[in-house]
Amino acid sequence: MAFNQIYLKDGFTLFENQKANIRRLVTMRRALLTDRVGSGKSLSTLYSFCYLKEKGFADNMIVFTPLNAYTKRVWAKDIDKFTKLSCTDFDSVRTGTGVDNLLNTYDVIYCKHTHLKQDYELLRVLCSKPKTLVVVDEVHAFKNPSSQLTMALRHVIENTQLFWGITGTTL
């Protein structure tokens, strides 16, 4: 992928499997990335988002992650370590800030899965904005079509233009 990499920090290197994943992701509006645990799915996603952002195909990324990863700030740490993107957690910004201001202020907003049930109207508006990439980490948690969480996700992403699910769990 040839681009200026203005959103990536120096030293961002990729393995061959990550390069193959990136080539697929950047060409798809909706994608499911499944690979083994520890294979660099999150980094492939970040690199792909940076590519799309630099090319003008995406402006923001909203990531839904399990509670444990949210609490440990897994995505925030990777974003800070490997990119020059601005990032915040949803709990820090969910009240008192207009939707457009949020998207103008932060490149990435990461949420926990359960935010889908608690704040789905705000999230639906955020996720439906043009050029917003929605990523669901551990998307296998939404495999039950009748669960409240899965129904909330469907409602939130119904007008989303860019949606990627990633998981290390066999589906």
N, C-alpha and C. Protein backbone atom coordinates (compact mmCIF):
# COMPACT_ATOMS: atom_id res chain seq x y z
N MET A 1 0.84 -1.17 0.00
CA MET A 1 0.00 0.00 0.00
C MET A 1 0.89 1.24 0.00
N ALA A 2 0.81 1.96 -1.04
CA ALA A 2 1.62 3.17 -1.14
C ALA A 2 0.81 4.38 -0.68
N PHE A 3 1.24 4.97 0.40
CA PHE A 3 0.66 6.23 0.86
C PHE A 3 1.66 6.89 1.81
N ASN A 4 1.42 8.14 2.14
CA ASN A 4 2.39 8.92 2.91
C ASN A 4 2.52 8.50 4.37
N GLN A 5 1.53 7.82 4.88
CA GLN A 5 1.53 7.33 6.26
C GLN A 5 1.64 8.46 7.28
N ILE A 6 0.96 9.56 7.01
CA ILE A 6 1.04 10.71 7.90
C ILE A 6 0.41 10.46 9.26
N TYR A 7 -0.46 9.47 9.36
CA TYR A 7 -1.11 9.18 10.63
C TYR A 7 -0.41 8.07 11.41
N LEU A 8 0.64 7.52 10.86
CA LEU A 8 1.38 6.44 11.53
C LEU A 8 2.69 6.95 12.09
N LYS A 9 3.08 6.43 13.23
CA LYS A 9 4.38 6.79 13.80
C LYS A 9 5.47 6.02 13.09
N ASP A 10 6.67 6.55 13.13
CA ASP A 10 7.82 5.87 12.53
C ASP A 10 8.01 4.51 13.18
N GLY A 11 8.45 3.56 12.39
CA GLY A 11 8.73 2.23 12.92
C GLY A 11 7.54 1.29 12.89
N PHE A 12 6.44 1.71 12.31
CA PHE A 12 5.27 0.85 12.19
C PHE A 12 5.57 -0.20 11.12
N THR A 13 5.81 -1.42 11.53
CA THR A 13 6.12 -2.48 10.58
C THR A 13 5.04 -3.54 10.60
N LEU A 14 4.90 -4.20 9.48
CA LEU A 14 3.83 -5.19 9.32
C LEU A 14 4.40 -6.55 8.93
N PHE A 15 3.72 -7.59 9.36
CA PHE A 15 4.02 -8.95 8.91
C PHE A 15 3.24 -9.22 7.64
N GLU A 16 3.62 -10.25 6.92
CA GLU A 16 2.97 -10.57 5.64
C GLU A 16 1.48 -10.84 5.81
N ASN A 17 1.09 -11.55 6.88
CA ASN A 17 -0.34 -11.83 7.07
C ASN A 17 -1.12 -10.54 7.31
N GLN A 18 -0.49 -9.57 7.99
CA GLN A 18 -1.15 -8.28 8.21
C GLN A 18 -1.29 -7.52 6.90
N LYS A 19 -0.27 -7.57 6.06
CA LYS A 19 -0.35 -6.90 4.76
C LYS A 19 -1.49 -7.48 3.92
N ALA A 20 -1.65 -8.79 3.95
CA ALA A 20 -2.74 -9.43 3.21
C ALA A 20 -4.10 -9.00 3.77
N ASN A 21 -4.21 -8.93 5.08
CA ASN A 21 -5.46 -8.48 5.71
C ASN A 21 -5.77 -7.04 5.33
N ILE A 22 -4.77 -6.20 5.32
CA ILE A 22 -4.95 -4.78 4.98
C ILE A 22 -5.41 -4.63 3.54
N ARG A 23 -4.79 -5.38 2.63
CA ARG A 23 -5.19 -5.30 1.22
C ARG A 23 -6.67 -5.62 1.05
N ARG A 24 -7.17 -6.56 1.84
CA ARG A 24 -8.59 -6.91 1.77
C ARG A 24 -9.46 -5.85 2.44
N LEU A 25 -9.07 -5.41 3.62
CA LEU A 25 -9.90 -4.45 4.36
C LEU A 25 -10.12 -3.15 3.60
N VAL A 26 -9.07 -2.58 3.03
CA VAL A 26 -9.20 -1.26 2.43
C VAL A 26 -10.07 -1.25 1.17
N THR A 27 -10.40 -2.42 0.66
CA THR A 27 -11.25 -2.48 -0.53
C THR A 27 -12.70 -2.81 -0.20
N MET A 28 -13.02 -2.99 1.08
CA MET A 28 -14.35 -3.45 1.46
C MET A 28 -15.05 -2.48 2.40
N ARG A 29 -16.29 -2.17 2.11
CA ARG A 29 -17.09 -1.33 3.00
C ARG A 29 -17.55 -2.12 4.22
N ARG A 30 -17.83 -3.38 4.04
CA ARG A 30 -18.23 -4.26 5.13
C ARG A 30 -17.33 -5.49 5.07
N ALA A 31 -16.71 -5.82 6.20
CA ALA A 31 -15.76 -6.92 6.19
C ALA A 31 -15.77 -7.64 7.53
N LEU A 32 -15.40 -8.90 7.49
CA LEU A 32 -15.20 -9.70 8.68
C LEU A 32 -13.77 -10.20 8.63
N LEU A 33 -12.97 -9.79 9.60
CA LEU A 33 -11.57 -10.20 9.67
C LEU A 33 -11.43 -11.22 10.79
N THR A 34 -11.18 -12.45 10.40
CA THR A 34 -10.96 -13.51 11.39
C THR A 34 -9.53 -14.00 11.21
N ASP A 35 -8.84 -14.08 12.31
CA ASP A 35 -7.47 -14.57 12.31
C ASP A 35 -7.17 -15.03 13.73
N ARG A 36 -6.11 -15.75 13.89
CA ARG A 36 -5.79 -16.30 15.21
C ARG A 36 -5.47 -15.18 16.21
N VAL A 37 -5.61 -15.50 17.47
CA VAL A 37 -5.30 -14.56 18.54
C VAL A 37 -3.82 -14.18 18.44
N GLY A 38 -3.54 -12.88 18.55
CA GLY A 38 -2.16 -12.41 18.51
C GLY A 38 -1.60 -12.21 17.12
N SER A 39 -2.44 -12.29 16.09
CA SER A 39 -1.96 -12.16 14.71
C SER A 39 -1.89 -10.72 14.23
N GLY A 40 -2.33 -9.78 15.05
CA GLY A 40 -2.24 -8.38 14.67
C GLY A 40 -3.46 -7.83 13.97
N LYS A 41 -4.62 -8.35 14.31
CA LYS A 41 -5.87 -7.86 13.69
C LYS A 41 -6.11 -6.39 14.03
N SER A 42 -5.86 -6.00 15.26
CA SER A 42 -6.07 -4.60 15.65
C SER A 42 -5.12 -3.67 14.90
N LEU A 43 -3.86 -4.07 14.78
CA LEU A 43 -2.90 -3.24 14.05
C LEU A 43 -3.25 -3.17 12.57
N SER A 44 -3.70 -4.28 12.01
CA SER A 44 -4.14 -4.27 10.60
C SER A 44 -5.30 -3.31 10.42
N THR A 45 -6.20 -3.31 11.38
CA THR A 45 -7.36 -2.41 11.33
C THR A 45 -6.92 -0.96 11.44
N LEU A 46 -6.02 -0.66 12.37
CA LEU A 46 -5.53 0.70 12.52
C LEU A 46 -4.80 1.18 11.27
N TYR A 47 -3.95 0.34 10.72
CA TYR A 47 -3.22 0.71 9.51
C TYR A 47 -4.20 0.98 8.37
N SER A 48 -5.19 0.10 8.24
CA SER A 48 -6.19 0.25 7.18
C SER A 48 -6.98 1.54 7.35
N PHE A 49 -7.36 1.84 8.58
CA PHE A 49 -8.08 3.09 8.83
C PHE A 49 -7.21 4.29 8.47
N CYS A 50 -5.95 4.28 8.87
CA CYS A 50 -5.05 5.39 8.54
C CYS A 50 -4.93 5.56 7.03
N TYR A 51 -4.87 4.45 6.30
CA TYR A 51 -4.82 4.51 4.85
C TYR A 51 -6.08 5.17 4.30
N LEU A 52 -7.25 4.69 4.75
CA LEU A 52 -8.53 5.24 4.27
C LEU A 52 -8.68 6.71 4.65
N LYS A 53 -8.23 7.08 5.83
CA LYS A 53 -8.31 8.47 6.29
C LYS A 53 -7.43 9.36 5.42
N GLU A 54 -6.23 8.93 5.18
CA GLU A 54 -5.33 9.74 4.35
C GLU A 54 -5.85 9.89 2.93
N LYS A 55 -6.49 8.85 2.41
CA LYS A 55 -7.02 8.90 1.04
C LYS A 55 -8.37 9.62 0.96
N GLY A 56 -8.95 9.99 2.13
CA GLY A 56 -10.21 10.72 2.14
C GLY A 56 -11.46 9.85 2.12
N PHE A 57 -11.30 8.55 2.33
CA PHE A 57 -12.45 7.64 2.33
C PHE A 57 -13.06 7.46 3.72
N ALA A 58 -12.35 7.84 4.76
CA ALA A 58 -12.85 7.74 6.13
C ALA A 58 -12.33 8.93 6.93
N ASP A 59 -13.14 9.39 7.86
CA ASP A 59 -12.74 10.50 8.73
C ASP A 59 -12.54 10.06 10.18
N ASN A 60 -13.42 9.18 10.63
CA ASN A 60 -13.42 8.76 12.04
C ASN A 60 -13.59 7.26 12.13
N MET A 61 -13.20 6.72 13.29
CA MET A 61 -13.40 5.31 13.58
C MET A 61 -14.01 5.19 14.97
N ILE A 62 -15.06 4.41 15.05
CA ILE A 62 -15.68 4.10 16.34
C ILE A 62 -15.49 2.60 16.55
N VAL A 63 -14.87 2.25 17.67
CA VAL A 63 -14.54 0.86 17.97
C VAL A 63 -15.36 0.40 19.16
N PHE A 64 -16.03 -0.74 19.00
CA PHE A 64 -16.74 -1.38 20.10
C PHE A 64 -15.90 -2.57 20.53
N THR A 65 -15.59 -2.61 21.82
CA THR A 65 -14.68 -3.62 22.34
C THR A 65 -15.26 -4.24 23.61
N PRO A 66 -14.87 -5.45 23.96
CA PRO A 66 -15.36 -6.05 25.21
C PRO A 66 -14.92 -5.25 26.43
N LEU A 67 -15.63 -5.44 27.52
CA LEU A 67 -15.36 -4.70 28.75
C LEU A 67 -13.91 -4.80 29.20
N ASN A 68 -13.33 -5.98 29.17
CA ASN A 68 -11.95 -6.17 29.64
C ASN A 68 -10.97 -5.33 28.81
N ALA A 69 -11.12 -5.34 27.50
CA ALA A 69 -10.24 -4.55 26.64
C ALA A 69 -10.50 -3.05 26.82
N TYR A 70 -11.75 -2.69 27.05
CA TYR A 70 -12.10 -1.29 27.27
C TYR A 70 -11.45 -0.79 28.57
N THR A 71 -11.60 -1.56 29.63
CA THR A 71 -11.05 -1.20 30.94
C THR A 71 -9.52 -1.09 30.89
N LYS A 72 -8.89 -2.01 30.16
CA LYS A 72 -7.43 -2.00 30.05
C LYS A 72 -6.92 -1.02 28.99
N ARG A 73 -7.85 -0.36 28.30
CA ARG A 73 -7.51 0.65 27.29
C ARG A 73 -6.65 0.07 26.18
N VAL A 74 -6.94 -1.16 25.77
CA VAL A 74 -6.14 -1.85 24.77
C VAL A 74 -6.05 -1.04 23.47
N TRP A 75 -7.19 -0.60 22.95
CA TRP A 75 -7.18 0.16 21.71
C TRP A 75 -6.47 1.50 21.89
N ALA A 76 -6.72 2.18 22.98
CA ALA A 76 -6.09 3.48 23.22
C ALA A 76 -4.57 3.34 23.28
N LYS A 77 -4.09 2.30 23.90
CA LYS A 77 -2.64 2.08 24.00
C LYS A 77 -2.03 1.81 22.63
N ASP A 78 -2.71 0.98 21.82
CA ASP A 78 -2.19 0.71 20.48
C ASP A 78 -2.23 1.95 19.60
N ILE A 79 -3.30 2.72 19.71
CA ILE A 79 -3.42 3.95 18.93
C ILE A 79 -2.31 4.92 19.30
N ASP A 80 -2.06 5.06 20.60
CA ASP A 80 -1.01 5.96 21.06
C ASP A 80 0.38 5.46 20.67
N LYS A 81 0.59 4.17 20.73
CA LYS A 81 1.90 3.60 20.43
C LYS A 81 2.24 3.64 18.94
N PHE A 82 1.25 3.38 18.08
CA PHE A 82 1.54 3.20 16.67
C PHE A 82 1.07 4.31 15.75
N THR A 83 0.20 5.20 16.23
CA THR A 83 -0.36 6.21 15.32
C THR A 83 -0.26 7.62 15.91
N LYS A 84 -0.62 8.57 15.09
CA LYS A 84 -0.71 9.97 15.52
C LYS A 84 -2.17 10.40 15.63
N LEU A 85 -3.07 9.45 15.71
CA LEU A 85 -4.50 9.72 15.78
C LEU A 85 -4.89 10.20 17.17
N SER A 86 -5.91 11.06 17.23
CA SER A 86 -6.46 11.47 18.52
C SER A 86 -7.54 10.45 18.91
N CYS A 87 -7.56 10.09 20.17
CA CYS A 87 -8.42 9.00 20.62
C CYS A 87 -8.99 9.32 22.00
N THR A 88 -10.21 8.86 22.24
CA THR A 88 -10.81 8.98 23.56
C THR A 88 -11.77 7.82 23.78
N ASP A 89 -12.08 7.59 25.04
CA ASP A 89 -13.08 6.57 25.37
C ASP A 89 -14.46 7.23 25.43
N PHE A 90 -15.47 6.46 25.16
CA PHE A 90 -16.83 6.96 25.06
C PHE A 90 -17.33 7.54 26.39
N ASP A 91 -16.95 6.94 27.50
CA ASP A 91 -17.41 7.45 28.80
C ASP A 91 -16.94 8.87 29.06
N SER A 92 -15.81 9.25 28.51
CA SER A 92 -15.29 10.60 28.71
C SER A 92 -16.02 11.66 27.91
N VAL A 93 -16.75 11.25 26.86
CA VAL A 93 -17.33 12.24 25.96
C VAL A 93 -18.83 12.09 25.73
N ARG A 94 -19.46 11.14 26.38
CA ARG A 94 -20.85 10.83 26.03
C ARG A 94 -21.86 11.87 26.46
N THR A 95 -21.53 12.77 27.33
CA THR A 95 -22.48 13.81 27.73
C THR A 95 -21.87 15.18 27.48
N GLY A 96 -22.71 16.10 27.09
CA GLY A 96 -22.30 17.49 26.99
C GLY A 96 -21.57 17.91 25.74
N THR A 97 -21.34 16.99 24.83
CA THR A 97 -20.63 17.36 23.60
C THR A 97 -21.49 17.01 22.41
N GLY A 98 -21.59 17.93 21.47
CA GLY A 98 -22.35 17.67 20.26
C GLY A 98 -21.69 16.60 19.41
N VAL A 99 -22.49 15.89 18.64
CA VAL A 99 -21.99 14.80 17.81
C VAL A 99 -20.94 15.30 16.84
N ASP A 100 -21.23 16.38 16.14
CA ASP A 100 -20.26 16.89 15.17
C ASP A 100 -18.98 17.33 15.84
N ASN A 101 -19.09 17.93 17.02
CA ASN A 101 -17.90 18.34 17.76
C ASN A 101 -17.06 17.12 18.15
N LEU A 102 -17.72 16.05 18.57
CA LEU A 102 -17.00 14.82 18.91
C LEU A 102 -16.19 14.32 17.73
N LEU A 103 -16.84 14.24 16.58
CA LEU A 103 -16.18 13.70 15.40
C LEU A 103 -15.12 14.65 14.85
N ASN A 104 -15.26 15.94 15.11
CA ASN A 104 -14.24 16.89 14.69
C ASN A 104 -13.05 16.90 15.64
N THR A 105 -13.26 16.48 16.88
CA THR A 105 -12.22 16.52 17.90
C THR A 105 -11.38 15.25 17.94
N TYR A 106 -12.01 14.10 17.72
CA TYR A 106 -11.32 12.81 17.86
C TYR A 106 -11.38 12.01 16.57
N ASP A 107 -10.25 11.40 16.23
CA ASP A 107 -10.22 10.48 15.10
C ASP A 107 -10.87 9.16 15.47
N VAL A 108 -10.63 8.72 16.71
CA VAL A 108 -11.12 7.42 17.17
C VAL A 108 -11.83 7.58 18.51
N ILE A 109 -13.01 6.99 18.60
CA ILE A 109 -13.73 6.88 19.87
C ILE A 109 -13.94 5.40 20.11
N TYR A 110 -13.47 4.92 21.26
CA TYR A 110 -13.67 3.51 21.53
C TYR A 110 -14.69 3.34 22.65
N CYS A 111 -15.52 2.33 22.48
CA CYS A 111 -16.65 2.07 23.37
C CYS A 111 -16.59 0.62 23.84
N LYS A 112 -17.29 0.34 24.90
CA LYS A 112 -17.46 -1.07 25.27
C LYS A 112 -18.74 -1.58 24.62
N HIS A 113 -18.81 -2.88 24.43
CA HIS A 113 -19.97 -3.48 23.79
C HIS A 113 -21.28 -3.02 24.45
N THR A 114 -21.30 -2.96 25.76
CA THR A 114 -22.55 -2.65 26.46
C THR A 114 -23.01 -1.21 26.27
N HIS A 115 -22.14 -0.33 25.79
CA HIS A 115 -22.60 1.02 25.45
C HIS A 115 -23.70 0.96 24.39
N LEU A 116 -23.69 -0.09 23.59
CA LEU A 116 -24.72 -0.25 22.56
C LEU A 116 -26.12 -0.27 23.16
N LYS A 117 -26.25 -0.90 24.31
CA LYS A 117 -27.56 -0.97 24.96
C LYS A 117 -27.87 0.31 25.74
N GLN A 118 -26.86 0.92 26.30
CA GLN A 118 -27.07 2.08 27.17
C GLN A 118 -27.27 3.38 26.40
N ASP A 119 -26.57 3.56 25.31
CA ASP A 119 -26.56 4.84 24.59
C ASP A 119 -26.75 4.65 23.09
N TYR A 120 -27.64 3.75 22.71
CA TYR A 120 -27.70 3.42 21.29
C TYR A 120 -28.17 4.56 20.41
N GLU A 121 -28.96 5.49 20.92
CA GLU A 121 -29.39 6.60 20.06
C GLU A 121 -28.22 7.51 19.69
N LEU A 122 -27.40 7.88 20.67
CA LEU A 122 -26.23 8.70 20.38
C LEU A 122 -25.26 7.93 19.48
N LEU A 123 -25.04 6.68 19.78
CA LEU A 123 -24.12 5.88 18.98
C LEU A 123 -24.64 5.69 17.55
N ARG A 124 -25.95 5.55 17.40
CA ARG A 124 -26.54 5.41 16.06
C ARG A 124 -26.25 6.66 15.23
N VAL A 125 -26.38 7.82 15.86
CA VAL A 125 -26.10 9.07 15.15
C VAL A 125 -24.61 9.15 14.79
N LEU A 126 -23.74 8.85 15.75
CA LEU A 126 -22.30 8.88 15.48
C LEU A 126 -21.92 7.92 14.36
N CYS A 127 -22.44 6.70 14.42
CA CYS A 127 -22.07 5.66 13.47
C CYS A 127 -22.65 5.88 12.08
N SER A 128 -23.71 6.67 11.98
CA SER A 128 -24.33 6.89 10.68
C SER A 128 -23.73 8.07 9.92
N LYS A 129 -22.81 8.78 10.55
CA LYS A 129 -22.17 9.90 9.86
C LYS A 129 -21.35 9.37 8.68
N PRO A 130 -21.40 10.07 7.56
CA PRO A 130 -20.60 9.64 6.40
C PRO A 130 -19.12 9.57 6.76
N LYS A 131 -18.45 8.62 6.21
CA LYS A 131 -17.00 8.42 6.38
C LYS A 131 -16.62 8.03 7.81
N THR A 132 -17.55 7.46 8.55
CA THR A 132 -17.24 6.93 9.87
C THR A 132 -17.14 5.42 9.77
N LEU A 133 -15.98 4.89 10.12
CA LEU A 133 -15.74 3.46 10.11
C LEU A 133 -16.12 2.91 11.48
N VAL A 134 -17.00 1.93 11.50
CA VAL A 134 -17.39 1.27 12.74
C VAL A 134 -16.70 -0.09 12.79
N VAL A 135 -15.98 -0.35 13.87
CA VAL A 135 -15.27 -1.61 14.05
C VAL A 135 -15.80 -2.28 15.31
N VAL A 136 -16.16 -3.54 15.19
CA VAL A 136 -16.57 -4.31 16.36
C VAL A 136 -15.51 -5.36 16.62
N ASP A 137 -14.79 -5.17 17.71
CA ASP A 137 -13.77 -6.11 18.14
C ASP A 137 -14.47 -7.26 18.87
N GLU A 138 -13.98 -8.46 18.62
CA GLU A 138 -14.61 -9.68 19.18
C GLU A 138 -16.07 -9.75 18.75
N VAL A 139 -16.28 -9.60 17.46
CA VAL A 139 -17.63 -9.56 16.89
C VAL A 139 -18.40 -10.86 17.12
N HIS A 140 -17.70 -11.94 17.44
CA HIS A 140 -18.39 -13.21 17.71
C HIS A 140 -19.34 -13.10 18.90
N ALA A 141 -19.17 -12.08 19.74
CA ALA A 141 -20.06 -11.88 20.89
C ALA A 141 -21.48 -11.52 20.44
N PHE A 142 -21.65 -11.24 19.17
CA PHE A 142 -22.94 -10.83 18.63
C PHE A 142 -23.57 -11.91 17.75
N LYS A 143 -23.18 -13.16 17.96
CA LYS A 143 -23.66 -14.22 17.07
C LYS A 143 -25.09 -14.65 17.34
N ASN A 144 -25.63 -14.36 18.52
CA ASN A 144 -27.00 -14.73 18.83
C ASN A 144 -27.93 -13.63 18.30
N PRO A 145 -28.68 -13.92 17.24
CA PRO A 145 -29.50 -12.87 16.61
C PRO A 145 -30.63 -12.33 17.49
N SER A 146 -31.01 -13.07 18.53
CA SER A 146 -32.12 -12.60 19.37
C SER A 146 -31.65 -11.95 20.67
N SER A 147 -30.33 -11.86 20.87
CA SER A 147 -29.86 -11.22 22.11
C SER A 147 -30.07 -9.72 22.03
N GLN A 148 -30.24 -9.11 23.18
CA GLN A 148 -30.45 -7.66 23.26
C GLN A 148 -29.25 -6.90 22.70
N LEU A 149 -28.06 -7.40 22.97
CA LEU A 149 -26.85 -6.75 22.49
C LEU A 149 -26.77 -6.78 20.95
N THR A 150 -27.08 -7.92 20.36
CA THR A 150 -27.05 -8.03 18.90
C THR A 150 -28.10 -7.15 18.26
N MET A 151 -29.27 -7.10 18.84
CA MET A 151 -30.32 -6.23 18.29
C MET A 151 -29.94 -4.76 18.40
N ALA A 152 -29.28 -4.39 19.50
CA ALA A 152 -28.82 -3.01 19.66
C ALA A 152 -27.76 -2.68 18.61
N LEU A 153 -26.84 -3.61 18.36
CA LEU A 153 -25.81 -3.39 17.34
C LEU A 153 -26.47 -3.21 15.97
N ARG A 154 -27.42 -4.05 15.64
CA ARG A 154 -28.11 -3.91 14.35
C ARG A 154 -28.75 -2.53 14.21
N HIS A 155 -29.38 -2.08 15.28
CA HIS A 155 -30.04 -0.77 15.26
C HIS A 155 -29.01 0.35 15.07
N VAL A 156 -27.88 0.24 15.74
CA VAL A 156 -26.85 1.28 15.68
C VAL A 156 -26.21 1.34 14.30
N ILE A 157 -25.97 0.20 13.68
CA ILE A 157 -25.23 0.20 12.41
C ILE A 157 -26.11 0.16 11.17
N GLU A 158 -27.43 0.28 11.33
CA GLU A 158 -28.30 0.14 10.16
C GLU A 158 -28.00 1.16 9.06
N ASN A 159 -27.49 2.32 9.38
CA ASN A 159 -27.15 3.33 8.37
C ASN A 159 -25.65 3.57 8.25
N THR A 160 -24.87 2.66 8.79
CA THR A 160 -23.42 2.78 8.74
C THR A 160 -22.91 2.40 7.35
N GLN A 161 -22.05 3.22 6.81
CA GLN A 161 -21.51 2.94 5.48
C GLN A 161 -20.28 2.05 5.51
N LEU A 162 -19.47 2.16 6.57
CA LEU A 162 -18.25 1.37 6.69
C LEU A 162 -18.31 0.56 7.99
N PHE A 163 -18.26 -0.77 7.88
CA PHE A 163 -18.39 -1.64 9.05
C PHE A 163 -17.45 -2.82 8.91
N TRP A 164 -16.59 -2.99 9.92
CA TRP A 164 -15.70 -4.16 9.95
C TRP A 164 -15.86 -4.86 11.30
N GLY A 165 -15.98 -6.16 11.26
CA GLY A 165 -15.98 -6.98 12.46
C GLY A 165 -14.67 -7.74 12.51
N ILE A 166 -14.06 -7.82 13.69
CA ILE A 166 -12.81 -8.58 13.83
C ILE A 166 -12.94 -9.54 15.00
N THR A 167 -12.34 -10.72 14.85
CA THR A 167 -12.39 -11.72 15.91
C THR A 167 -11.27 -12.74 15.73
N GLY A 168 -10.84 -13.28 16.83
CA GLY A 168 -9.87 -14.37 16.82
C GLY A 168 -10.55 -15.69 17.13
N THR A 169 -11.86 -15.67 17.28
CA THR A 169 -12.64 -16.86 17.61
C THR A 169 -13.26 -17.43 16.34
N THR A 170 -13.14 -18.73 16.19
CA THR A 170 -13.73 -19.38 15.02
C THR A 170 -15.24 -19.21 15.05
N LEU A 171 -15.80 -18.80 13.94
CA LEU A 171 -17.24 -18.60 13.84
C LEU A 171 -17.91 -19.79 13.19
